[in-house]
N, C-alpha and C. Protein backbone atom coordinates (compact mmCIF):
# COMPACT_ATOMS: atom_id res chain seq x y z
N MET A 1 74.39 110.60 83.44
CA MET A 1 74.54 111.50 84.60
C MET A 1 73.17 111.87 85.18
N GLU A 2 72.20 112.11 84.31
CA GLU A 2 70.87 112.46 84.78
C GLU A 2 70.25 111.31 85.56
N ASN A 3 70.39 110.10 85.04
CA ASN A 3 69.83 108.93 85.71
C ASN A 3 70.54 108.65 87.04
N ALA A 4 71.86 108.76 87.02
CA ALA A 4 72.64 108.50 88.24
C ALA A 4 72.29 109.49 89.35
N THR A 5 72.21 110.76 89.00
CA THR A 5 71.90 111.77 90.02
C THR A 5 70.45 111.65 90.49
N ARG A 6 69.56 111.20 89.62
CA ARG A 6 68.18 110.97 90.04
C ARG A 6 68.12 109.88 91.12
N ILE A 7 68.87 108.82 90.89
CA ILE A 7 68.90 107.72 91.86
C ILE A 7 69.53 108.17 93.18
N ILE A 8 70.58 108.98 93.09
CA ILE A 8 71.22 109.49 94.31
C ILE A 8 70.24 110.35 95.11
N LYS A 9 69.48 111.17 94.41
CA LYS A 9 68.50 112.02 95.08
C LYS A 9 67.43 111.18 95.75
N GLU A 10 67.00 110.12 95.10
CA GLU A 10 65.99 109.22 95.68
C GLU A 10 66.51 108.52 96.92
N ASN A 11 67.83 108.47 97.06
CA ASN A 11 68.45 107.83 98.22
C ASN A 11 69.09 108.86 99.16
N ASN A 12 68.45 110.02 99.23
CA ASN A 12 68.83 111.07 100.19
C ASN A 12 70.27 111.54 100.03
N GLY A 13 70.74 111.58 98.80
CA GLY A 13 72.09 112.11 98.54
C GLY A 13 73.21 111.14 98.82
N TYR A 14 72.85 109.88 99.06
CA TYR A 14 73.87 108.88 99.39
C TYR A 14 74.51 108.36 98.10
N GLY A 15 75.52 109.07 97.67
CA GLY A 15 76.23 108.69 96.45
C GLY A 15 77.17 109.81 96.03
N ILE A 16 78.13 109.49 95.21
CA ILE A 16 79.09 110.49 94.75
C ILE A 16 79.10 110.50 93.23
N PRO A 17 78.46 111.47 92.60
CA PRO A 17 78.50 111.58 91.14
C PRO A 17 79.94 111.76 90.67
N THR A 18 80.31 111.02 89.66
CA THR A 18 81.68 111.10 89.13
C THR A 18 81.64 111.61 87.70
N VAL A 19 82.33 112.71 87.47
CA VAL A 19 82.29 113.41 86.19
C VAL A 19 83.59 113.16 85.44
N LYS A 20 83.49 112.98 84.14
CA LYS A 20 84.68 112.84 83.30
C LYS A 20 85.43 114.17 83.25
N PRO A 21 86.69 114.16 82.86
CA PRO A 21 87.48 115.40 82.84
C PRO A 21 87.12 116.32 81.67
N TRP A 22 85.89 116.87 81.74
CA TRP A 22 85.43 117.79 80.71
C TRP A 22 85.98 119.20 80.96
N SER A 23 85.68 120.11 80.05
CA SER A 23 86.02 121.52 80.23
C SER A 23 85.19 122.08 81.38
N LEU A 24 85.58 123.24 81.88
CA LEU A 24 84.87 123.87 83.00
C LEU A 24 83.41 124.11 82.64
N GLU A 25 83.14 124.56 81.44
CA GLU A 25 81.77 124.86 81.02
C GLU A 25 80.89 123.61 81.07
N THR A 26 81.40 122.52 80.52
CA THR A 26 80.64 121.27 80.53
C THR A 26 80.51 120.72 81.94
N TYR A 27 81.57 120.84 82.72
CA TYR A 27 81.54 120.36 84.10
C TYR A 27 80.47 121.06 84.91
N LEU A 28 80.36 122.37 84.75
CA LEU A 28 79.39 123.14 85.54
C LEU A 28 77.96 122.69 85.26
N LYS A 29 77.67 122.30 84.03
CA LYS A 29 76.34 121.81 83.70
C LYS A 29 76.06 120.50 84.45
N LYS A 30 77.06 119.64 84.49
CA LYS A 30 76.90 118.36 85.19
C LYS A 30 76.92 118.56 86.71
N LEU A 31 77.64 119.58 87.16
CA LEU A 31 77.68 119.89 88.59
C LEU A 31 76.29 120.27 89.10
N ASN A 32 75.54 120.99 88.29
CA ASN A 32 74.18 121.36 88.69
C ASN A 32 73.34 120.13 88.97
N LEU A 33 73.50 119.09 88.15
CA LEU A 33 72.78 117.84 88.37
C LEU A 33 73.22 117.20 89.69
N ALA A 34 74.53 117.23 89.93
CA ALA A 34 75.08 116.64 91.14
C ALA A 34 74.57 117.35 92.39
N LEU A 35 74.58 118.68 92.36
CA LEU A 35 74.13 119.45 93.52
C LEU A 35 72.64 119.27 93.76
N ASN A 36 71.88 119.15 92.69
CA ASN A 36 70.44 118.95 92.82
C ASN A 36 70.11 117.59 93.44
N SER A 37 71.05 116.65 93.33
CA SER A 37 70.84 115.32 93.90
C SER A 37 71.13 115.28 95.40
N ASN A 38 71.64 116.39 95.94
CA ASN A 38 72.04 116.48 97.35
C ASN A 38 73.22 115.58 97.70
N ALA A 39 74.02 115.23 96.69
CA ALA A 39 75.20 114.40 96.93
C ALA A 39 76.16 115.12 97.87
N PHE A 40 76.81 114.36 98.73
CA PHE A 40 77.68 114.98 99.74
C PHE A 40 79.08 115.28 99.21
N ALA A 41 79.38 114.82 97.98
CA ALA A 41 80.69 115.08 97.37
C ALA A 41 80.57 114.86 95.86
N VAL A 42 81.55 115.36 95.14
CA VAL A 42 81.62 115.16 93.69
C VAL A 42 83.02 114.67 93.36
N ALA A 43 83.11 113.75 92.40
CA ALA A 43 84.41 113.22 91.99
C ALA A 43 84.64 113.44 90.50
N MET A 44 85.90 113.41 90.11
CA MET A 44 86.26 113.45 88.69
C MET A 44 87.30 112.37 88.44
N ASP A 45 87.01 111.46 87.51
CA ASP A 45 87.97 110.40 87.21
C ASP A 45 88.91 110.87 86.10
N VAL A 46 89.99 111.53 86.52
CA VAL A 46 90.93 112.11 85.56
C VAL A 46 91.65 111.04 84.75
N ASP A 47 91.70 109.80 85.26
CA ASP A 47 92.32 108.73 84.49
C ASP A 47 91.51 108.38 83.24
N ALA A 48 90.27 108.83 83.18
CA ALA A 48 89.44 108.59 82.00
C ALA A 48 89.93 109.38 80.80
N ALA A 49 90.86 110.32 81.02
CA ALA A 49 91.39 111.11 79.92
C ALA A 49 92.04 110.23 78.85
N GLY A 50 92.44 109.04 79.22
CA GLY A 50 93.09 108.14 78.27
C GLY A 50 92.14 107.23 77.53
N LEU A 51 90.85 107.28 77.86
CA LEU A 51 89.89 106.40 77.19
C LEU A 51 89.61 106.89 75.77
N PRO A 52 89.77 106.02 74.77
CA PRO A 52 89.63 106.44 73.36
C PRO A 52 88.29 107.09 73.03
N PHE A 53 87.19 106.59 73.60
CA PHE A 53 85.88 107.12 73.21
C PHE A 53 85.68 108.57 73.64
N LEU A 54 86.38 109.01 74.68
CA LEU A 54 86.24 110.39 75.13
C LEU A 54 86.92 111.38 74.19
N LYS A 55 87.94 110.91 73.50
CA LYS A 55 88.67 111.80 72.60
C LYS A 55 87.81 112.24 71.42
N GLY A 56 86.82 111.42 71.08
CA GLY A 56 85.96 111.75 69.95
C GLY A 56 84.72 112.52 70.34
N CYS A 57 84.54 112.79 71.64
CA CYS A 57 83.36 113.51 72.10
C CYS A 57 83.51 115.01 71.83
N GLN A 58 82.38 115.68 71.73
CA GLN A 58 82.38 117.13 71.58
C GLN A 58 81.57 117.76 72.71
N PRO A 59 82.18 118.58 73.55
CA PRO A 59 83.61 118.85 73.56
C PRO A 59 84.39 117.66 74.09
N PRO A 60 85.65 117.50 73.68
CA PRO A 60 86.44 116.35 74.13
C PRO A 60 86.84 116.48 75.60
N ALA A 61 87.10 115.36 76.22
CA ALA A 61 87.62 115.36 77.59
C ALA A 61 89.08 114.95 77.54
N GLY A 62 89.86 115.45 78.46
CA GLY A 62 91.28 115.10 78.42
C GLY A 62 92.04 115.59 79.63
N ARG A 63 93.34 115.69 79.46
CA ARG A 63 94.22 116.07 80.56
C ARG A 63 93.91 117.47 81.07
N MET A 64 94.26 117.70 82.33
CA MET A 64 94.08 119.02 82.93
C MET A 64 95.33 119.41 83.68
N ASN A 65 95.69 120.69 83.57
CA ASN A 65 96.80 121.16 84.39
C ASN A 65 96.25 121.61 85.74
N THR A 66 97.13 122.02 86.62
CA THR A 66 96.72 122.36 87.97
C THR A 66 95.73 123.52 88.00
N GLU A 67 95.96 124.52 87.17
CA GLU A 67 95.08 125.69 87.16
C GLU A 67 93.68 125.34 86.67
N GLN A 68 93.59 124.47 85.68
CA GLN A 68 92.27 124.05 85.20
C GLN A 68 91.52 123.27 86.27
N LEU A 69 92.23 122.39 86.95
CA LEU A 69 91.62 121.61 88.01
C LEU A 69 91.23 122.51 89.18
N LYS A 70 92.06 123.50 89.47
CA LYS A 70 91.76 124.42 90.56
C LYS A 70 90.50 125.23 90.26
N ALA A 71 90.31 125.62 89.00
CA ALA A 71 89.12 126.37 88.61
C ALA A 71 87.86 125.53 88.81
N ILE A 72 87.96 124.26 88.47
CA ILE A 72 86.82 123.36 88.65
C ILE A 72 86.50 123.18 90.13
N ILE A 73 87.52 122.95 90.94
CA ILE A 73 87.30 122.72 92.37
C ILE A 73 86.79 123.98 93.07
N SER A 74 87.28 125.14 92.65
CA SER A 74 86.84 126.39 93.29
C SER A 74 85.37 126.69 93.00
N ASN A 75 84.82 126.08 91.96
CA ASN A 75 83.40 126.27 91.62
C ASN A 75 82.52 125.17 92.20
N THR A 76 83.11 124.30 93.03
CA THR A 76 82.38 123.17 93.59
C THR A 76 82.19 123.37 95.09
N PRO A 77 80.94 123.57 95.54
CA PRO A 77 80.69 123.89 96.95
C PRO A 77 80.67 122.69 97.90
N VAL A 78 80.90 121.50 97.37
CA VAL A 78 80.97 120.30 98.21
C VAL A 78 82.36 119.69 98.05
N PRO A 79 82.78 118.79 98.94
CA PRO A 79 84.11 118.18 98.81
C PRO A 79 84.32 117.57 97.43
N PHE A 80 85.53 117.76 96.90
CA PHE A 80 85.87 117.30 95.55
C PHE A 80 86.92 116.20 95.64
N ILE A 81 86.68 115.10 94.93
CA ILE A 81 87.58 113.95 94.96
C ILE A 81 88.18 113.74 93.57
N VAL A 82 89.49 113.62 93.50
CA VAL A 82 90.18 113.35 92.24
C VAL A 82 90.50 111.86 92.17
N LYS A 83 89.89 111.19 91.22
CA LYS A 83 90.11 109.75 91.06
C LYS A 83 91.07 109.51 89.88
N GLY A 84 91.98 108.55 90.08
CA GLY A 84 92.89 108.22 89.00
C GLY A 84 94.32 108.63 89.26
N VAL A 85 94.67 108.87 90.52
CA VAL A 85 96.03 109.28 90.88
C VAL A 85 96.90 108.03 90.99
N MET A 86 98.05 108.06 90.30
CA MET A 86 98.97 106.91 90.32
C MET A 86 100.41 107.31 90.58
N SER A 87 100.61 108.53 91.06
CA SER A 87 101.98 108.99 91.32
C SER A 87 101.96 110.06 92.40
N VAL A 88 103.11 110.25 93.01
CA VAL A 88 103.26 111.32 94.00
C VAL A 88 103.00 112.67 93.34
N LYS A 89 103.50 112.85 92.13
CA LYS A 89 103.30 114.10 91.40
C LYS A 89 101.81 114.39 91.21
N GLY A 90 101.06 113.37 90.83
CA GLY A 90 99.63 113.55 90.64
C GLY A 90 98.91 113.87 91.94
N ALA A 91 99.32 113.22 93.03
CA ALA A 91 98.70 113.47 94.33
C ALA A 91 98.94 114.90 94.78
N LEU A 92 100.16 115.38 94.62
CA LEU A 92 100.49 116.74 95.03
C LEU A 92 99.81 117.77 94.14
N LYS A 93 99.61 117.43 92.88
CA LYS A 93 98.87 118.29 91.97
C LYS A 93 97.43 118.44 92.43
N ALA A 94 96.81 117.32 92.81
CA ALA A 94 95.43 117.35 93.30
C ALA A 94 95.34 118.15 94.60
N LYS A 95 96.33 117.99 95.45
CA LYS A 95 96.37 118.74 96.71
C LYS A 95 96.48 120.24 96.45
N GLU A 96 97.37 120.61 95.56
CA GLU A 96 97.56 122.03 95.23
C GLU A 96 96.29 122.64 94.65
N ALA A 97 95.56 121.84 93.89
CA ALA A 97 94.34 122.33 93.27
C ALA A 97 93.18 122.46 94.25
N GLY A 98 93.34 121.86 95.43
CA GLY A 98 92.32 122.01 96.46
C GLY A 98 91.41 120.82 96.67
N ALA A 99 91.79 119.65 96.17
CA ALA A 99 90.97 118.46 96.35
C ALA A 99 90.89 118.06 97.82
N SER A 100 89.74 117.53 98.22
CA SER A 100 89.57 117.06 99.58
C SER A 100 90.07 115.63 99.75
N ALA A 101 90.09 114.90 98.64
CA ALA A 101 90.51 113.50 98.69
C ALA A 101 90.95 113.05 97.30
N ILE A 102 91.68 111.94 97.27
CA ILE A 102 92.07 111.34 96.00
C ILE A 102 91.74 109.85 96.05
N VAL A 103 91.59 109.28 94.86
CA VAL A 103 91.46 107.84 94.74
C VAL A 103 92.65 107.33 93.95
N VAL A 104 93.49 106.54 94.59
CA VAL A 104 94.59 105.89 93.89
C VAL A 104 93.96 104.80 93.03
N SER A 105 94.02 104.99 91.71
CA SER A 105 93.29 104.10 90.81
C SER A 105 93.95 104.09 89.44
N ASN A 106 94.00 102.92 88.82
CA ASN A 106 94.51 102.80 87.45
C ASN A 106 93.38 102.52 86.46
N HIS A 107 92.18 102.90 86.84
CA HIS A 107 90.97 102.74 86.01
C HIS A 107 90.77 101.29 85.60
N GLY A 108 91.02 100.42 86.53
CA GLY A 108 90.83 99.00 86.25
C GLY A 108 91.85 98.44 85.27
N GLY A 109 92.95 99.16 85.07
CA GLY A 109 93.98 98.72 84.14
C GLY A 109 93.58 98.87 82.68
N ARG A 110 92.51 99.64 82.41
CA ARG A 110 91.98 99.73 81.04
C ARG A 110 92.49 100.95 80.27
N VAL A 111 93.31 101.76 80.89
CA VAL A 111 93.77 102.97 80.22
C VAL A 111 95.11 102.75 79.51
N GLN A 112 96.02 102.08 80.16
CA GLN A 112 97.36 101.92 79.61
C GLN A 112 97.92 100.56 79.99
N ASP A 113 98.38 99.80 79.02
CA ASP A 113 99.02 98.54 79.32
C ASP A 113 100.27 98.77 80.18
N GLN A 114 100.56 97.81 81.05
CA GLN A 114 101.74 97.82 81.90
C GLN A 114 101.71 98.91 82.98
N THR A 115 100.51 99.47 83.22
CA THR A 115 100.37 100.39 84.34
C THR A 115 100.58 99.64 85.64
N PRO A 116 101.26 100.22 86.62
CA PRO A 116 101.47 99.51 87.89
C PRO A 116 100.15 99.20 88.60
N ALA A 117 100.18 98.22 89.46
CA ALA A 117 99.04 97.98 90.35
C ALA A 117 98.98 99.10 91.38
N THR A 118 97.79 99.40 91.86
CA THR A 118 97.67 100.48 92.85
C THR A 118 98.46 100.18 94.12
N ALA A 119 98.60 98.91 94.47
CA ALA A 119 99.35 98.55 95.67
C ALA A 119 100.83 98.94 95.55
N GLU A 120 101.33 99.02 94.32
CA GLU A 120 102.74 99.35 94.11
C GLU A 120 103.04 100.82 94.36
N VAL A 121 102.04 101.69 94.24
CA VAL A 121 102.27 103.13 94.37
C VAL A 121 101.60 103.74 95.59
N LEU A 122 100.71 102.98 96.23
CA LEU A 122 99.91 103.53 97.33
C LEU A 122 100.76 104.08 98.46
N GLU A 123 101.72 103.31 98.93
CA GLU A 123 102.47 103.71 100.12
C GLU A 123 103.25 105.01 99.91
N GLU A 124 103.88 105.16 98.75
CA GLU A 124 104.67 106.38 98.53
C GLU A 124 103.76 107.60 98.40
N ILE A 125 102.55 107.41 97.88
CA ILE A 125 101.59 108.51 97.79
C ILE A 125 101.11 108.90 99.18
N VAL A 126 100.84 107.91 100.02
CA VAL A 126 100.41 108.17 101.39
C VAL A 126 101.47 108.98 102.12
N LYS A 127 102.73 108.62 101.98
CA LYS A 127 103.81 109.33 102.65
C LYS A 127 103.93 110.77 102.16
N ALA A 128 103.76 110.97 100.84
CA ALA A 128 103.90 112.31 100.28
C ALA A 128 102.77 113.23 100.71
N VAL A 129 101.56 112.70 100.78
CA VAL A 129 100.40 113.51 101.16
C VAL A 129 100.42 113.82 102.65
N ASP A 130 100.93 112.88 103.45
CA ASP A 130 101.17 113.07 104.88
C ASP A 130 99.93 113.56 105.63
N GLY A 131 98.80 112.92 105.39
CA GLY A 131 97.60 113.22 106.15
C GLY A 131 96.86 114.48 105.74
N SER A 132 97.27 115.15 104.68
CA SER A 132 96.65 116.42 104.30
C SER A 132 95.34 116.25 103.54
N MET A 133 95.06 115.05 103.08
CA MET A 133 93.78 114.76 102.43
C MET A 133 93.48 113.28 102.59
N LYS A 134 92.24 112.91 102.38
CA LYS A 134 91.85 111.51 102.48
C LYS A 134 92.34 110.76 101.25
N ILE A 135 92.74 109.50 101.46
CA ILE A 135 93.22 108.67 100.36
C ILE A 135 92.40 107.40 100.30
N PHE A 136 91.72 107.21 99.18
CA PHE A 136 91.00 105.99 98.89
C PHE A 136 91.76 105.20 97.83
N VAL A 137 91.47 103.92 97.71
CA VAL A 137 92.17 103.12 96.71
C VAL A 137 91.22 102.08 96.13
N ASP A 138 91.36 101.81 94.84
CA ASP A 138 90.64 100.70 94.21
C ASP A 138 91.63 99.97 93.31
N GLY A 139 91.10 99.12 92.44
CA GLY A 139 91.98 98.44 91.50
C GLY A 139 92.18 96.98 91.80
N GLY A 140 91.16 96.17 91.55
CA GLY A 140 91.31 94.73 91.70
C GLY A 140 91.25 94.21 93.12
N LEU A 141 90.75 95.00 94.04
CA LEU A 141 90.59 94.51 95.42
C LEU A 141 89.33 93.66 95.47
N ARG A 142 89.50 92.39 95.82
CA ARG A 142 88.40 91.44 95.67
C ARG A 142 88.03 90.68 96.93
N ASN A 143 88.81 90.81 97.99
CA ASN A 143 88.49 90.06 99.21
C ASN A 143 88.97 90.82 100.45
N GLY A 144 88.67 90.26 101.61
CA GLY A 144 89.03 90.92 102.85
C GLY A 144 90.52 91.06 103.08
N VAL A 145 91.29 90.12 102.56
CA VAL A 145 92.75 90.22 102.69
C VAL A 145 93.26 91.41 101.89
N ASP A 146 92.73 91.62 100.68
CA ASP A 146 93.11 92.78 99.87
C ASP A 146 92.79 94.08 100.60
N ILE A 147 91.62 94.12 101.21
CA ILE A 147 91.21 95.32 101.95
C ILE A 147 92.16 95.57 103.11
N PHE A 148 92.50 94.53 103.84
CA PHE A 148 93.43 94.64 104.96
C PHE A 148 94.77 95.20 104.50
N LYS A 149 95.30 94.68 103.41
CA LYS A 149 96.61 95.13 102.92
C LYS A 149 96.57 96.60 102.50
N ALA A 150 95.49 97.00 101.86
CA ALA A 150 95.38 98.40 101.43
C ALA A 150 95.34 99.34 102.64
N LEU A 151 94.60 98.95 103.67
CA LEU A 151 94.54 99.77 104.88
C LEU A 151 95.90 99.80 105.57
N ALA A 152 96.60 98.67 105.58
CA ALA A 152 97.93 98.62 106.19
C ALA A 152 98.93 99.51 105.45
N LEU A 153 98.75 99.65 104.15
CA LEU A 153 99.64 100.50 103.36
C LEU A 153 99.29 101.98 103.45
N GLY A 154 98.23 102.29 104.20
CA GLY A 154 97.94 103.69 104.49
C GLY A 154 96.65 104.27 103.94
N ALA A 155 95.88 103.50 103.20
CA ALA A 155 94.63 104.02 102.66
C ALA A 155 93.64 104.30 103.79
N ASP A 156 92.87 105.37 103.64
CA ASP A 156 91.83 105.67 104.62
C ASP A 156 90.59 104.81 104.38
N ALA A 157 90.38 104.42 103.13
CA ALA A 157 89.23 103.58 102.79
C ALA A 157 89.52 102.86 101.49
N VAL A 158 88.77 101.79 101.26
CA VAL A 158 88.96 100.95 100.09
C VAL A 158 87.67 100.94 99.27
N ILE A 159 87.81 101.03 97.96
CA ILE A 159 86.65 101.00 97.07
C ILE A 159 86.60 99.64 96.37
N VAL A 160 85.51 98.93 96.58
CA VAL A 160 85.28 97.67 95.88
C VAL A 160 84.09 97.90 94.96
N ALA A 161 84.30 97.87 93.66
CA ALA A 161 83.24 98.28 92.75
C ALA A 161 82.68 97.14 91.89
N ARG A 162 83.49 96.61 91.02
CA ARG A 162 82.99 95.67 90.01
C ARG A 162 82.31 94.43 90.60
N PRO A 163 82.80 93.84 91.70
CA PRO A 163 82.10 92.68 92.26
C PRO A 163 80.65 92.98 92.63
N PHE A 164 80.35 94.22 93.00
CA PHE A 164 78.97 94.57 93.33
C PHE A 164 78.08 94.58 92.09
N VAL A 165 78.66 94.92 90.94
CA VAL A 165 77.89 94.88 89.70
C VAL A 165 77.48 93.44 89.40
N ASN A 166 78.43 92.52 89.52
CA ASN A 166 78.13 91.11 89.29
C ASN A 166 77.09 90.60 90.29
N ALA A 167 77.23 91.02 91.54
CA ALA A 167 76.34 90.54 92.58
C ALA A 167 74.91 91.01 92.38
N ILE A 168 74.75 92.29 92.02
CA ILE A 168 73.40 92.82 91.91
C ILE A 168 72.68 92.29 90.67
N TYR A 169 73.43 92.05 89.60
CA TYR A 169 72.81 91.47 88.41
C TYR A 169 72.53 89.98 88.61
N GLY A 170 73.37 89.34 89.41
CA GLY A 170 73.19 87.91 89.63
C GLY A 170 72.11 87.57 90.63
N ALA A 171 72.00 88.38 91.70
CA ALA A 171 71.06 88.02 92.76
C ALA A 171 70.43 89.22 93.46
N LYS A 172 70.53 90.39 92.86
CA LYS A 172 69.90 91.60 93.39
C LYS A 172 70.30 91.86 94.85
N GLU A 173 69.30 92.20 95.70
CA GLU A 173 69.62 92.57 97.09
C GLU A 173 70.34 91.45 97.84
N GLU A 174 69.90 90.23 97.60
CA GLU A 174 70.53 89.10 98.28
C GLU A 174 72.00 88.97 97.89
N GLY A 175 72.28 89.18 96.62
CA GLY A 175 73.67 89.10 96.16
C GLY A 175 74.55 90.15 96.80
N ILE A 176 74.02 91.36 96.95
CA ILE A 176 74.77 92.44 97.59
C ILE A 176 75.06 92.09 99.05
N GLN A 177 74.04 91.58 99.75
CA GLN A 177 74.22 91.25 101.15
C GLN A 177 75.25 90.14 101.34
N VAL A 178 75.19 89.13 100.46
CA VAL A 178 76.15 88.03 100.55
C VAL A 178 77.57 88.55 100.35
N LEU A 179 77.75 89.44 99.37
CA LEU A 179 79.08 89.98 99.10
C LEU A 179 79.59 90.82 100.27
N VAL A 180 78.74 91.67 100.82
CA VAL A 180 79.12 92.50 101.96
C VAL A 180 79.52 91.62 103.15
N ASP A 181 78.71 90.60 103.41
CA ASP A 181 79.01 89.70 104.53
C ASP A 181 80.33 88.96 104.30
N LYS A 182 80.56 88.54 103.06
CA LYS A 182 81.80 87.83 102.72
C LYS A 182 83.02 88.71 102.95
N LEU A 183 82.99 89.93 102.43
CA LEU A 183 84.12 90.84 102.59
C LEU A 183 84.36 91.16 104.06
N GLY A 184 83.28 91.41 104.79
CA GLY A 184 83.41 91.73 106.21
C GLY A 184 83.99 90.57 107.01
N SER A 185 83.53 89.37 106.71
CA SER A 185 84.02 88.19 107.42
C SER A 185 85.49 87.94 107.12
N GLU A 186 85.88 88.09 105.85
CA GLU A 186 87.28 87.87 105.48
C GLU A 186 88.19 88.91 106.12
N LEU A 187 87.73 90.16 106.16
CA LEU A 187 88.52 91.21 106.79
C LEU A 187 88.65 90.94 108.29
N GLN A 188 87.58 90.55 108.92
CA GLN A 188 87.62 90.26 110.36
C GLN A 188 88.56 89.10 110.67
N ASP A 189 88.50 88.06 109.86
CA ASP A 189 89.40 86.91 110.07
C ASP A 189 90.86 87.33 109.93
N THR A 190 91.14 88.15 108.92
CA THR A 190 92.52 88.61 108.68
C THR A 190 93.00 89.46 109.84
N MET A 191 92.15 90.34 110.32
CA MET A 191 92.51 91.18 111.47
C MET A 191 92.83 90.33 112.69
N GLU A 192 92.02 89.32 112.93
CA GLU A 192 92.25 88.46 114.10
C GLU A 192 93.57 87.70 113.97
N MET A 193 93.87 87.24 112.75
CA MET A 193 95.12 86.52 112.52
C MET A 193 96.35 87.41 112.71
N CYS A 194 96.16 88.71 112.45
CA CYS A 194 97.29 89.64 112.53
C CYS A 194 97.32 90.43 113.84
N GLY A 195 96.35 90.18 114.71
CA GLY A 195 96.36 90.85 116.00
C GLY A 195 95.81 92.25 116.01
N ALA A 196 94.97 92.59 115.04
CA ALA A 196 94.35 93.92 114.99
C ALA A 196 92.93 93.84 115.53
N LYS A 197 92.67 94.47 116.68
CA LYS A 197 91.35 94.41 117.29
C LYS A 197 90.37 95.38 116.64
N SER A 198 90.90 96.43 115.99
CA SER A 198 90.05 97.41 115.31
C SER A 198 90.77 97.86 114.05
N LEU A 199 90.08 98.60 113.21
CA LEU A 199 90.70 99.10 111.98
C LEU A 199 91.90 100.00 112.29
N LYS A 200 91.81 100.74 113.37
CA LYS A 200 92.92 101.63 113.76
C LYS A 200 94.16 100.84 114.17
N ASP A 201 93.97 99.57 114.51
CA ASP A 201 95.10 98.74 114.93
C ASP A 201 95.85 98.13 113.75
N ILE A 202 95.34 98.32 112.54
CA ILE A 202 96.02 97.78 111.36
C ILE A 202 97.21 98.68 111.03
N THR A 203 98.41 98.13 111.08
CA THR A 203 99.61 98.93 110.88
C THR A 203 100.47 98.37 109.75
N ARG A 204 101.39 99.20 109.30
CA ARG A 204 102.23 98.86 108.14
C ARG A 204 103.05 97.59 108.34
N ASP A 205 103.47 97.33 109.56
CA ASP A 205 104.33 96.17 109.80
C ASP A 205 103.59 94.84 109.72
N MET A 206 102.29 94.91 109.49
CA MET A 206 101.51 93.66 109.37
C MET A 206 101.51 93.10 107.97
N VAL A 207 102.08 93.82 107.01
CA VAL A 207 102.21 93.31 105.64
C VAL A 207 103.64 93.49 105.17
N ARG A 208 104.04 92.66 104.19
CA ARG A 208 105.40 92.74 103.66
C ARG A 208 105.33 93.00 102.16
């Protein structure tokens, strides 16, 4: 956390520190690091509660009820994002607690076997939230077609994470640029094939 927030500060706050679902006391210590980095938002990956290594930590991290999450958000002076929502119930819980946004995510499928893909639950979550908060989505999105489908199902934005790790280790800045150009080109091609002149023109009826 110290290293991540240092890097964010060096980049003028361009980044979102993501905190595990610790207790309020532990969270506040990490929040100070996040705020010192000038980050424009803070996230908590609540789906990490199922990761075995966190259960052995002291203090342990784990599930949170609405009141616990509300206490954390009320102590956070920047927008708060709840990552790891996979159900309408979870989305409404985050909304009630005061989250500014959620990330529909199954933690890369590493928390529980047979967890649904994010595409299977995204649309019903979008309908339930009904524009009251921003909805991001991740989970195996690897090309421009995947991005197009997620936007068509109602996501406000798409998170592509792991491919960037491979790209930066494989070819540093050049690898990142190649990946960005690839995703952008694929998305543009898909939009043209489906008749969407802009991102706002991507609609639900363009996917089945």
